[in-house]
Amino acid sequence: MQARETVDAVAERGLRGDRYFEGHGLWNFLDEDPNREVQEASDITFIEAEALAAVEQDAGIELLTGAHRRNVTTQHVPLNHLVGQTFTVGDAICEGIQLCEPCGYMQSLVGEEGLSKALVHRGGLDAIVVESGPIAIDDEVRW
């Protein structure tokens, strides 16, 4: 994970430079497994800064920047309410498709027992990019 000042969100592809955009992400390879339960694909993932603070307060787990494996960290945005909704971030138009529940892979990378449980229903939002556009730090999320 690398922090960026700006990034291009590309419709039906994701974020230019992201490992999934390039086809090198873990889920790209798992999607080839016929026994894997199908999960709706996302182009971009979001997590609330408030959820990260709550995990630290409630479970004593501090997640370093990027350790949560989400693309964009928001503030004052009720992400759970954006499932099924169209919204903009920067100049990109997105649609929330499902909650981004925590996974064992993230917990194994962070090495914190209880992380998945602490992030249940506050692990973020999976979304697709409907219309391309740049996204920059401090861009407003509007819905």
N, C-alpha and C. Protein backbone atom coordinates (compact mmCIF):
# COMPACT_ATOMS: atom_id res chain seq x y z
N MET A 1 0.85 -1.18 0.00
CA MET A 1 0.00 0.00 0.00
C MET A 1 0.89 1.24 0.00
N GLN A 2 0.55 2.17 -0.88
CA GLN A 2 1.31 3.42 -0.97
C GLN A 2 0.34 4.60 -0.94
N ALA A 3 0.64 5.56 -0.08
CA ALA A 3 -0.18 6.77 -0.02
C ALA A 3 0.09 7.61 -1.27
N ARG A 4 -0.96 8.21 -1.78
CA ARG A 4 -0.85 9.07 -2.97
C ARG A 4 -1.62 10.35 -2.72
N GLU A 5 -1.12 11.45 -3.29
CA GLU A 5 -1.83 12.73 -3.21
C GLU A 5 -3.07 12.71 -4.10
N THR A 6 -2.93 12.11 -5.30
CA THR A 6 -4.04 11.97 -6.24
C THR A 6 -3.93 10.61 -6.92
N VAL A 7 -5.07 10.15 -7.41
CA VAL A 7 -5.11 8.89 -8.14
C VAL A 7 -6.25 8.97 -9.16
N ASP A 8 -6.08 8.31 -10.28
CA ASP A 8 -7.14 8.25 -11.29
C ASP A 8 -8.03 7.04 -11.01
N ALA A 9 -9.33 7.29 -10.82
CA ALA A 9 -10.32 6.23 -10.70
C ALA A 9 -10.85 5.98 -12.11
N VAL A 10 -10.77 4.74 -12.57
CA VAL A 10 -11.14 4.39 -13.94
C VAL A 10 -12.39 3.51 -13.89
N ALA A 11 -13.42 3.92 -14.63
CA ALA A 11 -14.69 3.18 -14.64
C ALA A 11 -14.47 1.72 -14.98
N GLU A 12 -15.12 0.87 -14.18
CA GLU A 12 -15.12 -0.59 -14.36
C GLU A 12 -13.73 -1.21 -14.27
N ARG A 13 -12.74 -0.47 -13.74
CA ARG A 13 -11.38 -1.00 -13.59
C ARG A 13 -10.84 -0.80 -12.19
N GLY A 14 -11.02 0.39 -11.64
CA GLY A 14 -10.48 0.68 -10.32
C GLY A 14 -9.51 1.84 -10.34
N LEU A 15 -8.52 1.77 -9.46
CA LEU A 15 -7.56 2.86 -9.31
C LEU A 15 -6.30 2.56 -10.09
N ARG A 16 -5.95 3.47 -10.99
CA ARG A 16 -4.74 3.28 -11.80
C ARG A 16 -3.54 3.13 -10.86
N GLY A 17 -2.77 2.08 -11.08
CA GLY A 17 -1.60 1.80 -10.25
C GLY A 17 -1.86 0.81 -9.13
N ASP A 18 -3.14 0.54 -8.83
CA ASP A 18 -3.48 -0.43 -7.79
C ASP A 18 -3.16 -1.84 -8.28
N ARG A 19 -2.81 -2.73 -7.37
CA ARG A 19 -2.45 -4.11 -7.76
C ARG A 19 -3.61 -4.83 -8.44
N TYR A 20 -4.84 -4.51 -8.09
CA TYR A 20 -5.98 -5.15 -8.74
C TYR A 20 -6.21 -4.57 -10.14
N PHE A 21 -5.96 -3.29 -10.30
CA PHE A 21 -6.06 -2.67 -11.62
C PHE A 21 -5.09 -3.35 -12.58
N GLU A 22 -3.91 -3.69 -12.06
CA GLU A 22 -2.87 -4.33 -12.86
C GLU A 22 -3.04 -5.84 -12.96
N GLY A 23 -3.99 -6.42 -12.20
CA GLY A 23 -4.23 -7.86 -12.24
C GLY A 23 -3.30 -8.68 -11.37
N HIS A 24 -2.69 -8.03 -10.35
CA HIS A 24 -1.73 -8.72 -9.50
C HIS A 24 -2.22 -8.89 -8.07
N GLY A 25 -3.46 -8.56 -7.78
CA GLY A 25 -3.98 -8.66 -6.42
C GLY A 25 -4.33 -10.09 -6.05
N LEU A 26 -4.37 -10.36 -4.75
CA LEU A 26 -4.69 -11.71 -4.25
C LEU A 26 -6.00 -12.22 -4.82
N TRP A 27 -7.05 -11.38 -4.82
CA TRP A 27 -8.35 -11.83 -5.29
C TRP A 27 -8.35 -12.13 -6.78
N ASN A 28 -7.45 -11.50 -7.56
CA ASN A 28 -7.35 -11.83 -8.99
C ASN A 28 -7.04 -13.31 -9.16
N PHE A 29 -6.19 -13.84 -8.30
CA PHE A 29 -5.79 -15.24 -8.40
C PHE A 29 -6.84 -16.16 -7.78
N LEU A 30 -7.46 -15.73 -6.69
CA LEU A 30 -8.49 -16.55 -6.06
C LEU A 30 -9.72 -16.68 -6.94
N ASP A 31 -9.98 -15.65 -7.78
CA ASP A 31 -11.13 -15.71 -8.67
C ASP A 31 -11.02 -16.86 -9.67
N GLU A 32 -9.81 -17.35 -9.90
CA GLU A 32 -9.60 -18.47 -10.82
C GLU A 32 -9.95 -19.81 -10.18
N ASP A 33 -10.17 -19.84 -8.86
CA ASP A 33 -10.47 -21.06 -8.13
C ASP A 33 -11.96 -21.37 -8.27
N PRO A 34 -12.33 -22.48 -8.94
CA PRO A 34 -13.76 -22.79 -9.15
C PRO A 34 -14.48 -23.15 -7.85
N ASN A 35 -13.75 -23.48 -6.78
CA ASN A 35 -14.37 -23.85 -5.51
C ASN A 35 -14.58 -22.66 -4.58
N ARG A 36 -14.07 -21.49 -4.96
CA ARG A 36 -14.19 -20.32 -4.11
C ARG A 36 -15.58 -19.72 -4.24
N GLU A 37 -16.16 -19.35 -3.11
CA GLU A 37 -17.46 -18.68 -3.13
C GLU A 37 -17.30 -17.34 -3.84
N VAL A 38 -18.16 -17.07 -4.79
CA VAL A 38 -18.05 -15.85 -5.59
C VAL A 38 -18.45 -14.64 -4.76
N GLN A 39 -17.62 -13.63 -4.80
CA GLN A 39 -17.88 -12.36 -4.14
C GLN A 39 -17.95 -11.30 -5.22
N GLU A 40 -18.88 -10.37 -5.07
CA GLU A 40 -18.99 -9.32 -6.08
C GLU A 40 -17.70 -8.51 -6.10
N ALA A 41 -17.18 -8.29 -7.29
CA ALA A 41 -15.91 -7.58 -7.45
C ALA A 41 -16.09 -6.09 -7.20
N SER A 42 -15.08 -5.49 -6.59
CA SER A 42 -15.11 -4.05 -6.38
C SER A 42 -13.93 -3.41 -7.09
N ASP A 43 -14.08 -2.13 -7.40
CA ASP A 43 -13.02 -1.36 -8.04
C ASP A 43 -12.23 -0.55 -7.01
N ILE A 44 -12.90 -0.20 -5.91
CA ILE A 44 -12.32 0.69 -4.91
C ILE A 44 -12.93 0.36 -3.55
N THR A 45 -12.13 0.47 -2.50
CA THR A 45 -12.61 0.19 -1.15
C THR A 45 -12.38 1.41 -0.26
N PHE A 46 -13.31 1.62 0.66
CA PHE A 46 -13.28 2.76 1.57
C PHE A 46 -13.35 2.25 3.01
N ILE A 47 -12.79 3.01 3.95
CA ILE A 47 -12.94 2.74 5.38
C ILE A 47 -13.04 4.07 6.10
N GLU A 48 -13.80 4.10 7.19
CA GLU A 48 -13.99 5.31 7.97
C GLU A 48 -12.86 5.49 8.99
N ALA A 49 -12.32 6.70 9.07
CA ALA A 49 -11.32 7.01 10.10
C ALA A 49 -11.92 6.77 11.49
N GLU A 50 -13.21 7.04 11.64
CA GLU A 50 -13.87 6.84 12.92
C GLU A 50 -13.91 5.36 13.31
N ALA A 51 -14.06 4.47 12.33
CA ALA A 51 -14.05 3.03 12.61
C ALA A 51 -12.67 2.59 13.08
N LEU A 52 -11.64 3.13 12.45
CA LEU A 52 -10.27 2.79 12.87
C LEU A 52 -10.01 3.26 14.29
N ALA A 53 -10.49 4.46 14.64
CA ALA A 53 -10.34 4.98 15.99
C ALA A 53 -11.11 4.11 16.99
N ALA A 54 -12.30 3.65 16.60
CA ALA A 54 -13.10 2.80 17.48
C ALA A 54 -12.43 1.45 17.73
N VAL A 55 -11.81 0.88 16.70
CA VAL A 55 -11.10 -0.38 16.86
C VAL A 55 -9.94 -0.21 17.84
N GLU A 56 -9.26 0.91 17.73
CA GLU A 56 -8.16 1.17 18.66
C GLU A 56 -8.67 1.32 20.08
N GLN A 57 -9.76 2.08 20.23
CA GLN A 57 -10.32 2.31 21.57
C GLN A 57 -10.94 1.04 22.15
N ASP A 58 -11.77 0.34 21.36
CA ASP A 58 -12.52 -0.80 21.87
C ASP A 58 -11.67 -2.06 22.02
N ALA A 59 -10.77 -2.30 21.06
CA ALA A 59 -10.02 -3.56 21.06
C ALA A 59 -8.53 -3.36 21.35
N GLY A 60 -8.12 -2.10 21.45
CA GLY A 60 -6.71 -1.84 21.71
C GLY A 60 -5.80 -2.17 20.55
N ILE A 61 -6.36 -2.17 19.33
CA ILE A 61 -5.59 -2.51 18.14
C ILE A 61 -5.40 -1.25 17.31
N GLU A 62 -4.15 -0.85 17.15
CA GLU A 62 -3.84 0.31 16.33
C GLU A 62 -3.42 -0.17 14.94
N LEU A 63 -4.14 0.26 13.93
CA LEU A 63 -3.80 -0.10 12.56
C LEU A 63 -2.99 1.02 11.94
N LEU A 64 -1.79 0.71 11.53
CA LEU A 64 -0.96 1.69 10.87
C LEU A 64 -1.56 2.03 9.51
N THR A 65 -1.22 3.18 8.98
CA THR A 65 -1.73 3.63 7.69
C THR A 65 -1.55 2.53 6.64
N GLY A 66 -2.64 2.18 5.97
CA GLY A 66 -2.59 1.17 4.92
C GLY A 66 -2.73 -0.26 5.39
N ALA A 67 -2.56 -0.52 6.67
CA ALA A 67 -2.64 -1.90 7.17
C ALA A 67 -4.03 -2.50 7.02
N HIS A 68 -5.05 -1.66 6.93
CA HIS A 68 -6.43 -2.13 6.79
C HIS A 68 -6.72 -2.59 5.36
N ARG A 69 -5.81 -2.33 4.42
CA ARG A 69 -5.90 -2.78 3.04
C ARG A 69 -7.03 -2.13 2.24
N ARG A 70 -7.56 -1.00 2.70
CA ARG A 70 -8.59 -0.28 1.96
C ARG A 70 -7.91 0.83 1.17
N ASN A 71 -8.51 1.23 0.05
CA ASN A 71 -7.91 2.25 -0.81
C ASN A 71 -8.03 3.66 -0.27
N VAL A 72 -9.19 3.98 0.29
CA VAL A 72 -9.48 5.36 0.67
C VAL A 72 -10.00 5.38 2.11
N THR A 73 -9.42 6.27 2.93
CA THR A 73 -9.91 6.48 4.29
C THR A 73 -10.73 7.76 4.28
N THR A 74 -11.97 7.67 4.78
CA THR A 74 -12.88 8.82 4.81
C THR A 74 -13.03 9.33 6.23
N GLN A 75 -13.62 10.49 6.34
CA GLN A 75 -13.94 11.06 7.63
C GLN A 75 -15.32 11.68 7.53
N HIS A 76 -16.18 11.39 8.52
CA HIS A 76 -17.55 11.93 8.59
C HIS A 76 -18.41 11.46 7.41
N VAL A 77 -18.19 10.23 6.96
CA VAL A 77 -18.98 9.65 5.87
C VAL A 77 -19.54 8.31 6.36
N PRO A 78 -20.87 8.17 6.47
CA PRO A 78 -21.47 6.92 6.93
C PRO A 78 -21.46 5.85 5.83
N LEU A 79 -20.34 5.17 5.69
CA LEU A 79 -20.15 4.25 4.57
C LEU A 79 -21.18 3.14 4.50
N ASN A 80 -21.60 2.60 5.63
CA ASN A 80 -22.58 1.51 5.61
C ASN A 80 -23.87 1.94 4.93
N HIS A 81 -24.18 3.22 4.98
CA HIS A 81 -25.42 3.74 4.36
C HIS A 81 -25.29 3.90 2.85
N LEU A 82 -24.08 3.72 2.33
CA LEU A 82 -23.88 3.93 0.89
C LEU A 82 -23.98 2.64 0.07
N VAL A 83 -24.28 1.52 0.71
CA VAL A 83 -24.52 0.29 -0.04
C VAL A 83 -25.76 0.50 -0.91
N GLY A 84 -25.61 0.27 -2.21
CA GLY A 84 -26.71 0.47 -3.15
C GLY A 84 -26.90 1.91 -3.59
N GLN A 85 -26.05 2.80 -3.11
CA GLN A 85 -26.18 4.22 -3.43
C GLN A 85 -25.08 4.68 -4.38
N THR A 86 -25.39 5.68 -5.20
CA THR A 86 -24.40 6.33 -6.05
C THR A 86 -23.89 7.55 -5.31
N PHE A 87 -22.57 7.77 -5.39
CA PHE A 87 -21.96 8.91 -4.71
C PHE A 87 -20.73 9.35 -5.49
N THR A 88 -20.25 10.54 -5.20
CA THR A 88 -19.04 11.02 -5.85
C THR A 88 -17.95 11.20 -4.81
N VAL A 89 -16.74 10.99 -5.26
CA VAL A 89 -15.56 11.30 -4.47
C VAL A 89 -14.60 11.95 -5.46
N GLY A 90 -14.24 13.19 -5.17
CA GLY A 90 -13.50 13.95 -6.17
C GLY A 90 -14.37 14.09 -7.40
N ASP A 91 -13.80 13.79 -8.56
CA ASP A 91 -14.56 13.86 -9.81
C ASP A 91 -15.08 12.49 -10.24
N ALA A 92 -14.80 11.46 -9.48
CA ALA A 92 -15.25 10.10 -9.83
C ALA A 92 -16.65 9.85 -9.27
N ILE A 93 -17.44 9.11 -10.03
CA ILE A 93 -18.76 8.68 -9.57
C ILE A 93 -18.66 7.20 -9.25
N CYS A 94 -19.09 6.84 -8.04
CA CYS A 94 -19.00 5.46 -7.56
C CYS A 94 -20.37 4.95 -7.13
N GLU A 95 -20.46 3.65 -6.98
CA GLU A 95 -21.67 3.03 -6.45
C GLU A 95 -21.25 2.01 -5.40
N GLY A 96 -21.82 2.15 -4.20
CA GLY A 96 -21.54 1.19 -3.13
C GLY A 96 -22.21 -0.13 -3.44
N ILE A 97 -21.44 -1.24 -3.37
CA ILE A 97 -22.04 -2.53 -3.72
C ILE A 97 -22.22 -3.47 -2.52
N GLN A 98 -21.34 -3.38 -1.52
CA GLN A 98 -21.50 -4.23 -0.34
C GLN A 98 -20.56 -3.75 0.75
N LEU A 99 -20.86 -4.17 1.98
CA LEU A 99 -19.93 -3.89 3.07
C LEU A 99 -18.64 -4.64 2.80
N CYS A 100 -17.54 -4.05 3.16
CA CYS A 100 -16.22 -4.66 2.99
C CYS A 100 -15.84 -5.27 4.34
N GLU A 101 -16.36 -6.45 4.60
CA GLU A 101 -16.12 -7.09 5.88
C GLU A 101 -14.65 -7.53 5.97
N PRO A 102 -14.12 -7.57 7.19
CA PRO A 102 -12.71 -7.95 7.37
C PRO A 102 -12.49 -9.41 7.00
N CYS A 103 -11.26 -9.70 6.64
CA CYS A 103 -10.93 -11.07 6.25
C CYS A 103 -9.72 -11.57 7.04
N GLY A 104 -9.55 -12.86 7.05
CA GLY A 104 -8.42 -13.48 7.73
C GLY A 104 -7.08 -13.06 7.14
N TYR A 105 -7.08 -12.76 5.83
CA TYR A 105 -5.84 -12.35 5.18
C TYR A 105 -5.33 -11.04 5.79
N MET A 106 -6.22 -10.07 5.96
CA MET A 106 -5.83 -8.81 6.57
C MET A 106 -5.31 -9.04 7.98
N GLN A 107 -6.02 -9.87 8.74
CA GLN A 107 -5.60 -10.15 10.11
C GLN A 107 -4.23 -10.82 10.13
N SER A 108 -3.97 -11.71 9.18
CA SER A 108 -2.67 -12.39 9.14
C SER A 108 -1.54 -11.40 8.81
N LEU A 109 -1.82 -10.41 7.99
CA LEU A 109 -0.81 -9.40 7.65
C LEU A 109 -0.51 -8.49 8.84
N VAL A 110 -1.55 -8.14 9.57
CA VAL A 110 -1.40 -7.23 10.70
C VAL A 110 -0.88 -7.99 11.92
N GLY A 111 -1.28 -9.26 12.05
CA GLY A 111 -0.81 -10.07 13.16
C GLY A 111 -1.49 -9.79 14.48
N GLU A 112 -2.68 -9.20 14.45
CA GLU A 112 -3.42 -8.87 15.67
C GLU A 112 -4.61 -9.80 15.81
N GLU A 113 -4.56 -10.65 16.83
CA GLU A 113 -5.69 -11.52 17.13
C GLU A 113 -6.90 -10.65 17.49
N GLY A 114 -8.04 -10.95 16.93
CA GLY A 114 -9.25 -10.21 17.23
C GLY A 114 -9.54 -9.06 16.29
N LEU A 115 -8.65 -8.80 15.33
CA LEU A 115 -8.86 -7.69 14.41
C LEU A 115 -10.12 -7.89 13.58
N SER A 116 -10.29 -9.08 13.02
CA SER A 116 -11.48 -9.33 12.19
C SER A 116 -12.75 -9.10 12.98
N LYS A 117 -12.79 -9.60 14.21
CA LYS A 117 -13.98 -9.42 15.05
C LYS A 117 -14.21 -7.94 15.35
N ALA A 118 -13.15 -7.19 15.60
CA ALA A 118 -13.28 -5.76 15.92
C ALA A 118 -13.79 -4.95 14.74
N LEU A 119 -13.55 -5.42 13.52
CA LEU A 119 -13.96 -4.66 12.33
C LEU A 119 -15.28 -5.12 11.71
N VAL A 120 -15.94 -6.11 12.30
CA VAL A 120 -17.21 -6.59 11.74
C VAL A 120 -18.20 -5.43 11.64
N HIS A 121 -18.78 -5.25 10.49
CA HIS A 121 -19.77 -4.21 10.16
C HIS A 121 -19.19 -2.80 10.20
N ARG A 122 -17.89 -2.67 10.34
CA ARG A 122 -17.25 -1.36 10.24
C ARG A 122 -15.92 -1.47 9.50
N GLY A 123 -15.86 -2.49 8.64
CA GLY A 123 -14.64 -2.73 7.86
C GLY A 123 -14.59 -1.97 6.56
N GLY A 124 -15.63 -1.20 6.25
CA GLY A 124 -15.59 -0.36 5.07
C GLY A 124 -16.64 -0.70 4.03
N LEU A 125 -16.40 -0.21 2.83
CA LEU A 125 -17.35 -0.31 1.73
C LEU A 125 -16.63 -0.72 0.45
N ASP A 126 -17.16 -1.72 -0.23
CA ASP A 126 -16.72 -2.08 -1.58
C ASP A 126 -17.56 -1.26 -2.55
N ALA A 127 -16.92 -0.69 -3.56
CA ALA A 127 -17.65 0.11 -4.53
C ALA A 127 -17.09 -0.12 -5.93
N ILE A 128 -17.90 0.21 -6.91
CA ILE A 128 -17.43 0.20 -8.29
C ILE A 128 -17.33 1.66 -8.75
N VAL A 129 -16.44 1.88 -9.71
CA VAL A 129 -16.30 3.20 -10.30
C VAL A 129 -17.21 3.23 -11.52
N VAL A 130 -18.23 4.08 -11.49
CA VAL A 130 -19.20 4.19 -12.56
C VAL A 130 -18.71 5.15 -13.65
N GLU A 131 -18.15 6.28 -13.23
CA GLU A 131 -17.58 7.26 -14.16
C GLU A 131 -16.20 7.65 -13.68
N SER A 132 -15.24 7.64 -14.60
CA SER A 132 -13.84 7.92 -14.28
C SER A 132 -13.65 9.36 -13.82
N GLY A 133 -12.60 9.55 -13.02
CA GLY A 133 -12.23 10.89 -12.58
C GLY A 133 -11.13 10.81 -11.55
N PRO A 134 -10.40 11.90 -11.37
CA PRO A 134 -9.35 11.92 -10.36
C PRO A 134 -9.92 12.04 -8.95
N ILE A 135 -9.20 11.45 -8.00
CA ILE A 135 -9.52 11.55 -6.57
C ILE A 135 -8.26 12.07 -5.89
N ALA A 136 -8.43 13.06 -5.03
CA ALA A 136 -7.29 13.64 -4.32
C ALA A 136 -7.56 13.68 -2.81
N ILE A 137 -6.49 13.77 -2.05
CA ILE A 137 -6.62 13.91 -0.60
C ILE A 137 -7.48 15.14 -0.34
N ASP A 138 -8.37 15.03 0.63
CA ASP A 138 -9.29 16.09 1.06
C ASP A 138 -10.45 16.32 0.11
N ASP A 139 -10.59 15.48 -0.94
CA ASP A 139 -11.79 15.57 -1.77
C ASP A 139 -13.01 15.20 -0.94
N GLU A 140 -14.10 15.83 -1.22
CA GLU A 140 -15.34 15.58 -0.50
C GLU A 140 -16.07 14.38 -1.11
N VAL A 141 -16.69 13.57 -0.22
CA VAL A 141 -17.57 12.49 -0.67
C VAL A 141 -18.99 13.06 -0.57
N ARG A 142 -19.73 13.01 -1.70
CA ARG A 142 -21.08 13.57 -1.75
C ARG A 142 -22.05 12.47 -2.20
N TRP A 143 -23.19 12.39 -1.51
CA TRP A 143 -24.20 11.41 -1.87
C TRP A 143 -25.57 12.02 -1.81
